[in-house]
Amino acid sequence: MTKAELADKLYEKVGLPKKEAITIVETLFNSMKNILAEGESIKITGFGTFLVRKKGARKGRNPKTGSELEIEQRRVVTFKPSLQFKALVEKV
């Protein structure tokens, strides 16, 4: 599902004008990106938690050439679904 499709769902369910629904979806995702970029987590009750995690440096291997290389430490975003969300997904 795309952001445009999410905005359409919001338009259908709530009855907001399409431009306003698009603005709300864009604002939500931009806010989430900015919060995660600052290193903070986002917890949405009944849905899950987005966490920023640090991965340490490690040795890797280029699959094409087989040569070893050092993979630098970095930050990654992870998602941990809530128990309610997991149960809902498992039902379907």
PDB file of N, CA and C in Angstrom:
ATOM      1  N   MET A   1       0.848  -1.176   0.000  1.00  0.00           N
ATOM      2  CA  MET A   1       0.000   0.000   0.000  1.00  0.00           C
ATOM      3  C   MET A   1       0.893   1.238   0.000  1.00  0.00           C
ATOM      4  N   THR A   2       0.529   2.208  -0.781  1.00  0.00           N
ATOM      5  CA  THR A   2       1.310   3.442  -0.898  1.00  0.00           C
ATOM      6  C   THR A   2       0.717   4.533  -0.006  1.00  0.00           C
ATOM      7  N   LYS A   3       1.468   5.640   0.116  1.00  0.00           N
ATOM      8  CA  LYS A   3       0.967   6.778   0.883  1.00  0.00           C
ATOM      9  C   LYS A   3      -0.314   7.324   0.265  1.00  0.00           C
ATOM     10  N   ALA A   4      -0.387   7.345  -1.051  1.00  0.00           N
ATOM     11  CA  ALA A   4      -1.582   7.832  -1.731  1.00  0.00           C
ATOM     12  C   ALA A   4      -2.780   6.942  -1.408  1.00  0.00           C
ATOM     13  N   GLU A   5      -2.577   5.637  -1.356  1.00  0.00           N
ATOM     14  CA  GLU A   5      -3.660   4.716  -1.016  1.00  0.00           C
ATOM     15  C   GLU A   5      -4.088   4.890   0.440  1.00  0.00           C
ATOM     16  N   LEU A   6      -3.119   5.154   1.325  1.00  0.00           N
ATOM     17  CA  LEU A   6      -3.459   5.439   2.723  1.00  0.00           C
ATOM     18  C   LEU A   6      -4.300   6.706   2.826  1.00  0.00           C
ATOM     19  N   ALA A   7      -3.940   7.721   2.071  1.00  0.00           N
ATOM     20  CA  ALA A   7      -4.699   8.971   2.065  1.00  0.00           C
ATOM     21  C   ALA A   7      -6.112   8.725   1.532  1.00  0.00           C
ATOM     22  N   ASP A   8      -6.251   7.866   0.522  1.00  0.00           N
ATOM     23  CA  ASP A   8      -7.571   7.532  -0.003  1.00  0.00           C
ATOM     24  C   ASP A   8      -8.426   6.829   1.056  1.00  0.00           C
ATOM     25  N   LYS A   9      -7.797   5.915   1.816  1.00  0.00           N
ATOM     26  CA  LYS A   9      -8.515   5.228   2.899  1.00  0.00           C
ATOM     27  C   LYS A   9      -8.985   6.229   3.951  1.00  0.00           C
ATOM     28  N   LEU A  10      -8.123   7.173   4.292  1.00  0.00           N
ATOM     29  CA  LEU A  10      -8.473   8.212   5.258  1.00  0.00           C
ATOM     30  C   LEU A  10      -9.627   9.060   4.725  1.00  0.00           C
ATOM     31  N   TYR A  11      -9.570   9.387   3.459  1.00  0.00           N
ATOM     32  CA  TYR A  11     -10.641  10.152   2.792  1.00  0.00           C
ATOM     33  C   TYR A  11     -11.969   9.399   2.872  1.00  0.00           C
ATOM     34  N   GLU A  12     -11.925   8.091   2.598  1.00  0.00           N
ATOM     35  CA  GLU A  12     -13.145   7.282   2.588  1.00  0.00           C
ATOM     36  C   GLU A  12     -13.718   7.089   3.989  1.00  0.00           C
ATOM     37  N   LYS A  13     -12.852   6.780   4.960  1.00  0.00           N
ATOM     38  CA  LYS A  13     -13.307   6.450   6.319  1.00  0.00           C
ATOM     39  C   LYS A  13     -13.748   7.673   7.104  1.00  0.00           C
ATOM     40  N   VAL A  14     -12.971   8.767   7.015  1.00  0.00           N
ATOM     41  CA  VAL A  14     -13.227   9.940   7.848  1.00  0.00           C
ATOM     42  C   VAL A  14     -14.019  11.006   7.103  1.00  0.00           C
ATOM     43  N   GLY A  15     -13.875  11.055   5.790  1.00  0.00           N
ATOM     44  CA  GLY A  15     -14.599  12.032   5.002  1.00  0.00           C
ATOM     45  C   GLY A  15     -13.878  13.360   4.872  1.00  0.00           C
ATOM     46  N   LEU A  16     -12.574  13.366   5.128  1.00  0.00           N
ATOM     47  CA  LEU A  16     -11.785  14.588   4.939  1.00  0.00           C
ATOM     48  C   LEU A  16     -11.609  14.864   3.452  1.00  0.00           C
ATOM     49  N   PRO A  17     -11.387  16.121   3.094  1.00  0.00           N
ATOM     50  CA  PRO A  17     -11.027  16.405   1.692  1.00  0.00           C
ATOM     51  C   PRO A  17      -9.726  15.675   1.335  1.00  0.00           C
ATOM     52  N   LYS A  18      -9.611  15.260   0.070  1.00  0.00           N
ATOM     53  CA  LYS A  18      -8.441  14.469  -0.347  1.00  0.00           C
ATOM     54  C   LYS A  18      -7.129  15.198  -0.086  1.00  0.00           C
ATOM     55  N   LYS A  19      -7.076  16.504  -0.374  1.00  0.00           N
ATOM     56  CA  LYS A  19      -5.832  17.253  -0.158  1.00  0.00           C
ATOM     57  C   LYS A  19      -5.448  17.254   1.312  1.00  0.00           C
ATOM     58  N   GLU A  20      -6.440  17.381   2.183  1.00  0.00           N
ATOM     59  CA  GLU A  20      -6.172  17.383   3.619  1.00  0.00           C
ATOM     60  C   GLU A  20      -5.713  16.003   4.083  1.00  0.00           C
ATOM     61  N   ALA A  21      -6.308  14.946   3.545  1.00  0.00           N
ATOM     62  CA  ALA A  21      -5.915  13.580   3.889  1.00  0.00           C
ATOM     63  C   ALA A  21      -4.476  13.321   3.458  1.00  0.00           C
ATOM     64  N   ILE A  22      -4.108  13.779   2.276  1.00  0.00           N
ATOM     65  CA  ILE A  22      -2.732  13.624   1.786  1.00  0.00           C
ATOM     66  C   ILE A  22      -1.765  14.385   2.688  1.00  0.00           C
ATOM     67  N   THR A  23      -2.146  15.601   3.087  1.00  0.00           N
ATOM     68  CA  THR A  23      -1.301  16.411   3.968  1.00  0.00           C
ATOM     69  C   THR A  23      -1.104  15.722   5.315  1.00  0.00           C
ATOM     70  N   ILE A  24      -2.156  15.126   5.865  1.00  0.00           N
ATOM     71  CA  ILE A  24      -2.054  14.436   7.153  1.00  0.00           C
ATOM     72  C   ILE A  24      -1.104  13.246   7.050  1.00  0.00           C
ATOM     73  N   VAL A  25      -1.246  12.446   6.006  1.00  0.00           N
ATOM     74  CA  VAL A  25      -0.377  11.274   5.831  1.00  0.00           C
ATOM     75  C   VAL A  25       1.077  11.715   5.655  1.00  0.00           C
ATOM     76  N   GLU A  26       1.323  12.716   4.817  1.00  0.00           N
ATOM     77  CA  GLU A  26       2.687  13.223   4.603  1.00  0.00           C
ATOM     78  C   GLU A  26       3.280  13.761   5.903  1.00  0.00           C
ATOM     79  N   THR A  27       2.486  14.522   6.660  1.00  0.00           N
ATOM     80  CA  THR A  27       2.960  15.096   7.917  1.00  0.00           C
ATOM     81  C   THR A  27       3.294  13.998   8.921  1.00  0.00           C
ATOM     82  N   LEU A  28       2.452  12.974   8.999  1.00  0.00           N
ATOM     83  CA  LEU A  28       2.695  11.863   9.911  1.00  0.00           C
ATOM     84  C   LEU A  28       4.016  11.172   9.592  1.00  0.00           C
ATOM     85  N   PHE A  29       4.217  10.824   8.328  1.00  0.00           N
ATOM     86  CA  PHE A  29       5.438  10.114   7.963  1.00  0.00           C
ATOM     87  C   PHE A  29       6.680  10.991   8.084  1.00  0.00           C
ATOM     88  N   ASN A  30       6.577  12.261   7.753  1.00  0.00           N
ATOM     89  CA  ASN A  30       7.719  13.161   7.928  1.00  0.00           C
ATOM     90  C   ASN A  30       8.071  13.309   9.399  1.00  0.00           C
ATOM     91  N   SER A  31       7.061  13.401  10.263  1.00  0.00           N
ATOM     92  CA  SER A  31       7.311  13.494  11.698  1.00  0.00           C
ATOM     93  C   SER A  31       7.992  12.232  12.209  1.00  0.00           C
ATOM     94  N   MET A  32       7.516  11.079  11.754  1.00  0.00           N
ATOM     95  CA  MET A  32       8.114   9.813  12.174  1.00  0.00           C
ATOM     96  C   MET A  32       9.573   9.725  11.718  1.00  0.00           C
ATOM     97  N   LYS A  33       9.843  10.129  10.475  1.00  0.00           N
ATOM     98  CA  LYS A  33      11.216  10.095   9.966  1.00  0.00           C
ATOM     99  C   LYS A  33      12.128  10.991  10.794  1.00  0.00           C
ATOM    100  N   ASN A  34      11.648  12.203  11.117  1.00  0.00           N
ATOM    101  CA  ASN A  34      12.464  13.139  11.889  1.00  0.00           C
ATOM    102  C   ASN A  34      12.736  12.620  13.303  1.00  0.00           C
ATOM    103  N   ILE A  35      11.734  12.048  13.943  1.00  0.00           N
ATOM    104  CA  ILE A  35      11.906  11.504  15.291  1.00  0.00           C
ATOM    105  C   ILE A  35      12.910  10.359  15.272  1.00  0.00           C
ATOM    106  N   LEU A  36      12.783   9.453  14.314  1.00  0.00           N
ATOM    107  CA  LEU A  36      13.714   8.325  14.227  1.00  0.00           C
ATOM    108  C   LEU A  36      15.121   8.787  13.865  1.00  0.00           C
ATOM    109  N   ALA A  37      15.236   9.809  13.024  1.00  0.00           N
ATOM    110  CA  ALA A  37      16.558  10.333  12.651  1.00  0.00           C
ATOM    111  C   ALA A  37      17.272  10.923  13.868  1.00  0.00           C
ATOM    112  N   GLU A  38      16.513  11.427  14.838  1.00  0.00           N
ATOM    113  CA  GLU A  38      17.095  11.965  16.068  1.00  0.00           C
ATOM    114  C   GLU A  38      17.486  10.856  17.042  1.00  0.00           C
ATOM    115  N   GLY A  39      17.149   9.610  16.728  1.00  0.00           N
ATOM    116  CA  GLY A  39      17.526   8.487  17.570  1.00  0.00           C
ATOM    117  C   GLY A  39      16.478   8.097  18.594  1.00  0.00           C
ATOM    118  N   GLU A  40      15.308   8.711  18.546  1.00  0.00           N
ATOM    119  CA  GLU A  40      14.241   8.382  19.485  1.00  0.00           C
ATOM    120  C   GLU A  40      13.391   7.245  18.936  1.00  0.00           C
ATOM    121  N   SER A  41      12.698   6.549  19.844  1.00  0.00           N
ATOM    122  CA  SER A  41      11.809   5.477  19.404  1.00  0.00           C
ATOM    123  C   SER A  41      10.381   5.999  19.333  1.00  0.00           C
ATOM    124  N   ILE A  42       9.537   5.270  18.602  1.00  0.00           N
ATOM    125  CA  ILE A  42       8.121   5.621  18.456  1.00  0.00           C
ATOM    126  C   ILE A  42       7.314   4.402  18.862  1.00  0.00           C
ATOM    127  N   LYS A  43       6.465   4.582  19.882  1.00  0.00           N
ATOM    128  CA  LYS A  43       5.614   3.483  20.340  1.00  0.00           C
ATOM    129  C   LYS A  43       4.163   3.838  20.038  1.00  0.00           C
ATOM    130  N   ILE A  44       3.525   2.977  19.247  1.00  0.00           N
ATOM    131  CA  ILE A  44       2.128   3.160  18.893  1.00  0.00           C
ATOM    132  C   ILE A  44       1.360   1.992  19.516  1.00  0.00           C
ATOM    133  N   THR A  45       0.581   2.292  20.556  1.00  0.00           N
ATOM    134  CA  THR A  45      -0.138   1.265  21.293  1.00  0.00           C
ATOM    135  C   THR A  45      -1.057   0.489  20.365  1.00  0.00           C
ATOM    136  N   GLY A  46      -1.008  -0.840  20.482  1.00  0.00           N
ATOM    137  CA  GLY A  46      -1.839  -1.705  19.660  1.00  0.00           C
ATOM    138  C   GLY A  46      -1.269  -1.975  18.287  1.00  0.00           C
ATOM    139  N   PHE A  47      -0.172  -1.309  17.939  1.00  0.00           N
ATOM    140  CA  PHE A  47       0.453  -1.498  16.625  1.00  0.00           C
ATOM    141  C   PHE A  47       1.874  -2.025  16.774  1.00  0.00           C
ATOM    142  N   GLY A  48       2.739  -1.251  17.436  1.00  0.00           N
ATOM    143  CA  GLY A  48       4.105  -1.697  17.628  1.00  0.00           C
ATOM    144  C   GLY A  48       5.037  -0.556  17.950  1.00  0.00           C
ATOM    145  N   THR A  49       6.334  -0.871  17.956  1.00  0.00           N
ATOM    146  CA  THR A  49       7.361   0.097  18.313  1.00  0.00           C
ATOM    147  C   THR A  49       8.433   0.142  17.230  1.00  0.00           C
ATOM    148  N   PHE A  50       8.770   1.363  16.816  1.00  0.00           N
ATOM    149  CA  PHE A  50       9.887   1.584  15.914  1.00  0.00           C
ATOM    150  C   PHE A  50      11.069   1.992  16.773  1.00  0.00           C
ATOM    151  N   LEU A  51      12.190   1.285  16.648  1.00  0.00           N
ATOM    152  CA  LEU A  51      13.377   1.550  17.449  1.00  0.00           C
ATOM    153  C   LEU A  51      14.561   1.870  16.554  1.00  0.00           C
ATOM    154  N   VAL A  52      15.439   2.750  17.040  1.00  0.00           N
ATOM    155  CA  VAL A  52      16.706   2.996  16.363  1.00  0.00           C
ATOM    156  C   VAL A  52      17.754   2.233  17.155  1.00  0.00           C
ATOM    157  N   ARG A  53      18.476   1.374  16.469  1.00  0.00           N
ATOM    158  CA  ARG A  53      19.450   0.497  17.104  1.00  0.00           C
ATOM    159  C   ARG A  53      20.815   0.724  16.489  1.00  0.00           C
ATOM    160  N   LYS A  54      21.863   0.592  17.291  1.00  0.00           N
ATOM    161  CA  LYS A  54      23.223   0.700  16.758  1.00  0.00           C
ATOM    162  C   LYS A  54      23.755  -0.698  16.477  1.00  0.00           C
ATOM    163  N   LYS A  55      24.249  -0.877  15.262  1.00  0.00           N
ATOM    164  CA  LYS A  55      24.899  -2.135  14.899  1.00  0.00           C
ATOM    165  C   LYS A  55      26.396  -1.886  14.918  1.00  0.00           C
ATOM    166  N   GLY A  56      27.118  -2.728  15.587  1.00  0.00           N
ATOM    167  CA  GLY A  56      28.557  -2.572  15.692  1.00  0.00           C
ATOM    168  C   GLY A  56      29.274  -2.912  14.401  1.00  0.00           C
ATOM    169  N   ALA A  57      30.516  -2.489  14.330  1.00  0.00           N
ATOM    170  CA  ALA A  57      31.347  -2.817  13.164  1.00  0.00           C
ATOM    171  C   ALA A  57      31.579  -4.332  13.136  1.00  0.00           C
ATOM    172  N   ARG A  58      31.693  -4.857  11.936  1.00  0.00           N
ATOM    173  CA  ARG A  58      31.921  -6.296  11.796  1.00  0.00           C
ATOM    174  C   ARG A  58      32.633  -6.585  10.485  1.00  0.00           C
ATOM    175  N   LYS A  59      33.126  -7.784  10.394  1.00  0.00           N
ATOM    176  CA  LYS A  59      33.779  -8.202   9.162  1.00  0.00           C
ATOM    177  C   LYS A  59      32.729  -8.800   8.240  1.00  0.00           C
ATOM    178  N   GLY A  60      32.858  -8.472   6.975  1.00  0.00           N
ATOM    179  CA  GLY A  60      31.951  -9.010   5.972  1.00  0.00           C
ATOM    180  C   GLY A  60      32.737  -9.567   4.801  1.00  0.00           C
ATOM    181  N   ARG A  61      32.012 -10.064   3.835  1.00  0.00           N
ATOM    182  CA  ARG A  61      32.651 -10.654   2.663  1.00  0.00           C
ATOM    183  C   ARG A  61      31.893 -10.206   1.427  1.00  0.00           C
ATOM    184  N   ASN A  62      32.624  -9.742   0.419  1.00  0.00           N
ATOM    185  CA  ASN A  62      32.018  -9.378  -0.851  1.00  0.00           C
ATOM    186  C   ASN A  62      31.612 -10.677  -1.544  1.00  0.00           C
ATOM    187  N   PRO A  63      30.315 -10.883  -1.780  1.00  0.00           N
ATOM    188  CA  PRO A  63      29.889 -12.153  -2.365  1.00  0.00           C
ATOM    189  C   PRO A  63      30.381 -12.367  -3.792  1.00  0.00           C
ATOM    190  N   LYS A  64      30.659 -11.277  -4.499  1.00  0.00           N
ATOM    191  CA  LYS A  64      31.105 -11.403  -5.885  1.00  0.00           C
ATOM    192  C   LYS A  64      32.578 -11.813  -5.964  1.00  0.00           C
ATOM    193  N   THR A  65      33.425 -11.145  -5.165  1.00  0.00           N
ATOM    194  CA  THR A  65      34.860 -11.406  -5.247  1.00  0.00           C
ATOM    195  C   THR A  65      35.361 -12.315  -4.137  1.00  0.00           C
ATOM    196  N   GLY A  66      34.601 -12.416  -3.037  1.00  0.00           N
ATOM    197  CA  GLY A  66      35.023 -13.244  -1.921  1.00  0.00           C
ATOM    198  C   GLY A  66      36.002 -12.554  -0.989  1.00  0.00           C
ATOM    199  N   SER A  67      36.394 -11.308  -1.303  1.00  0.00           N
ATOM    200  CA  SER A  67      37.361 -10.612  -0.454  1.00  0.00           C
ATOM    201  C   SER A  67      36.683 -10.104   0.823  1.00  0.00           C
ATOM    202  N   GLU A  68      37.447 -10.104   1.919  1.00  0.00           N
ATOM    203  CA  GLU A  68      36.936  -9.623   3.198  1.00  0.00           C
ATOM    204  C   GLU A  68      36.974  -8.110   3.237  1.00  0.00           C
ATOM    205  N   LEU A  69      36.019  -7.546   3.964  1.00  0.00           N
ATOM    206  CA  LEU A  69      36.010  -6.106   4.149  1.00  0.00           C
ATOM    207  C   LEU A  69      35.408  -5.793   5.504  1.00  0.00           C
ATOM    208  N   GLU A  70      35.650  -4.589   5.986  1.00  0.00           N
ATOM    209  CA  GLU A  70      35.141  -4.138   7.275  1.00  0.00           C
ATOM    210  C   GLU A  70      33.843  -3.374   7.038  1.00  0.00           C
ATOM    211  N   ILE A  71      32.778  -3.802   7.685  1.00  0.00           N
ATOM    212  CA  ILE A  71      31.505  -3.091   7.619  1.00  0.00           C
ATOM    213  C   ILE A  71      31.464  -2.170   8.825  1.00  0.00           C
ATOM    214  N   GLU A  72      31.332  -0.871   8.567  1.00  0.00           N
ATOM    215  CA  GLU A  72      31.373   0.118   9.638  1.00  0.00           C
ATOM    216  C   GLU A  72      30.127   0.038  10.507  1.00  0.00           C
ATOM    217  N   GLN A  73      30.258   0.575  11.731  1.00  0.00           N
ATOM    218  CA  GLN A  73      29.097   0.621  12.603  1.00  0.00           C
ATOM    219  C   GLN A  73      28.072   1.583  12.024  1.00  0.00           C
ATOM    220  N   ARG A  74      26.802   1.309  12.289  1.00  0.00           N
ATOM    221  CA  ARG A  74      25.739   2.141  11.728  1.00  0.00           C
ATOM    222  C   ARG A  74      24.500   2.032  12.601  1.00  0.00           C
ATOM    223  N   ARG A  75      23.562   2.916  12.336  1.00  0.00           N
ATOM    224  CA  ARG A  75      22.282   2.883  13.033  1.00  0.00           C
ATOM    225  C   ARG A  75      21.236   2.342  12.071  1.00  0.00           C
ATOM    226  N   VAL A  76      20.343   1.507  12.591  1.00  0.00           N
ATOM    227  CA  VAL A  76      19.283   0.929  11.778  1.00  0.00           C
ATOM    228  C   VAL A  76      17.947   1.096  12.498  1.00  0.00           C
ATOM    229  N   VAL A  77      16.867   1.136  11.738  1.00  0.00           N
ATOM    230  CA  VAL A  77      15.525   1.210  12.301  1.00  0.00           C
ATOM    231  C   VAL A  77      14.936  -0.195  12.300  1.00  0.00           C
ATOM    232  N   THR A  78      14.398  -0.598  13.444  1.00  0.00           N
ATOM    233  CA  THR A  78      13.744  -1.896  13.545  1.00  0.00           C
ATOM    234  C   THR A  78      12.299  -1.678  13.989  1.00  0.00           C
ATOM    235  N   PHE A  79      11.455  -2.647  13.701  1.00  0.00           N
ATOM    236  CA  PHE A  79      10.051  -2.587  14.103  1.00  0.00           C
ATOM    237  C   PHE A  79       9.716  -3.828  14.893  1.00  0.00           C
ATOM    238  N   LYS A  80       9.113  -3.625  16.064  1.00  0.00           N
ATOM    239  CA  LYS A  80       8.663  -4.745  16.882  1.00  0.00           C
ATOM    240  C   LYS A  80       7.151  -4.631  17.017  1.00  0.00           C
ATOM    241  N   PRO A  81       6.397  -5.547  16.396  1.00  0.00           N
ATOM    242  CA  PRO A  81       4.938  -5.461  16.455  1.00  0.00           C
ATOM    243  C   PRO A  81       4.414  -5.759  17.855  1.00  0.00           C
ATOM    244  N   SER A  82       3.264  -5.162  18.189  1.00  0.00           N
ATOM    245  CA  SER A  82       2.631  -5.425  19.479  1.00  0.00           C
ATOM    246  C   SER A  82       2.012  -6.817  19.454  1.00  0.00           C
ATOM    247  N   LEU A  83       1.668  -7.328  20.627  1.00  0.00           N
ATOM    248  CA  LEU A  83       1.052  -8.652  20.709  1.00  0.00           C
ATOM    249  C   LEU A  83      -0.295  -8.680  19.996  1.00  0.00           C
ATOM    250  N   GLN A  84      -1.070  -7.582  20.113  1.00  0.00           N
ATOM    251  CA  GLN A  84      -2.366  -7.524  19.440  1.00  0.00           C
ATOM    252  C   GLN A  84      -2.200  -7.564  17.923  1.00  0.00           C
ATOM    253  N   PHE A  85      -1.206  -6.825  17.425  1.00  0.00           N
ATOM    254  CA  PHE A  85      -0.953  -6.786  15.989  1.00  0.00           C
ATOM    255  C   PHE A  85      -0.484  -8.152  15.490  1.00  0.00           C
ATOM    256  N   LYS A  86       0.407  -8.799  16.244  1.00  0.00           N
ATOM    257  CA  LYS A  86       0.870 -10.149  15.876  1.00  0.00           C
ATOM    258  C   LYS A  86      -0.295 -11.117  15.794  1.00  0.00           C
ATOM    259  N   ALA A  87      -1.177 -11.060  16.796  1.00  0.00           N
ATOM    260  CA  ALA A  87      -2.330 -11.968  16.827  1.00  0.00           C
ATOM    261  C   ALA A  87      -3.239 -11.722  15.634  1.00  0.00           C
ATOM    262  N   LEU A  88      -3.454 -10.474  15.285  1.00  0.00           N
ATOM    263  CA  LEU A  88      -4.305 -10.141  14.141  1.00  0.00           C
ATOM    264  C   LEU A  88      -3.716 -10.664  12.838  1.00  0.00           C
ATOM    265  N   VAL A  89      -2.416 -10.513  12.659  1.00  0.00           N
ATOM    266  CA  VAL A  89      -1.751 -10.982  11.444  1.00  0.00           C
ATOM    267  C   VAL A  89      -1.778 -12.499  11.363  1.00  0.00           C
ATOM    268  N   GLU A  90      -1.606 -13.163  12.499  1.00  0.00           N
ATOM    269  CA  GLU A  90      -1.605 -14.625  12.507  1.00  0.00           C
ATOM    270  C   GLU A  90      -2.980 -15.201  12.205  1.00  0.00           C
ATOM    271  N   LYS A  91      -4.057 -14.472  12.550  1.00  0.00           N
ATOM    272  CA  LYS A  91      -5.423 -14.925  12.273  1.00  0.00           C
ATOM    273  C   LYS A  91      -5.691 -15.004  10.781  1.00  0.00           C
ATOM    274  N   VAL A  92      -5.217 -14.012  10.063  1.00  0.00           N
ATOM    275  CA  VAL A  92      -5.514 -13.899   8.632  1.00  0.00           C
ATOM    276  C   VAL A  92      -4.725 -14.891   7.912  1.00  0.00           C
TER     277      VAL A  92
END
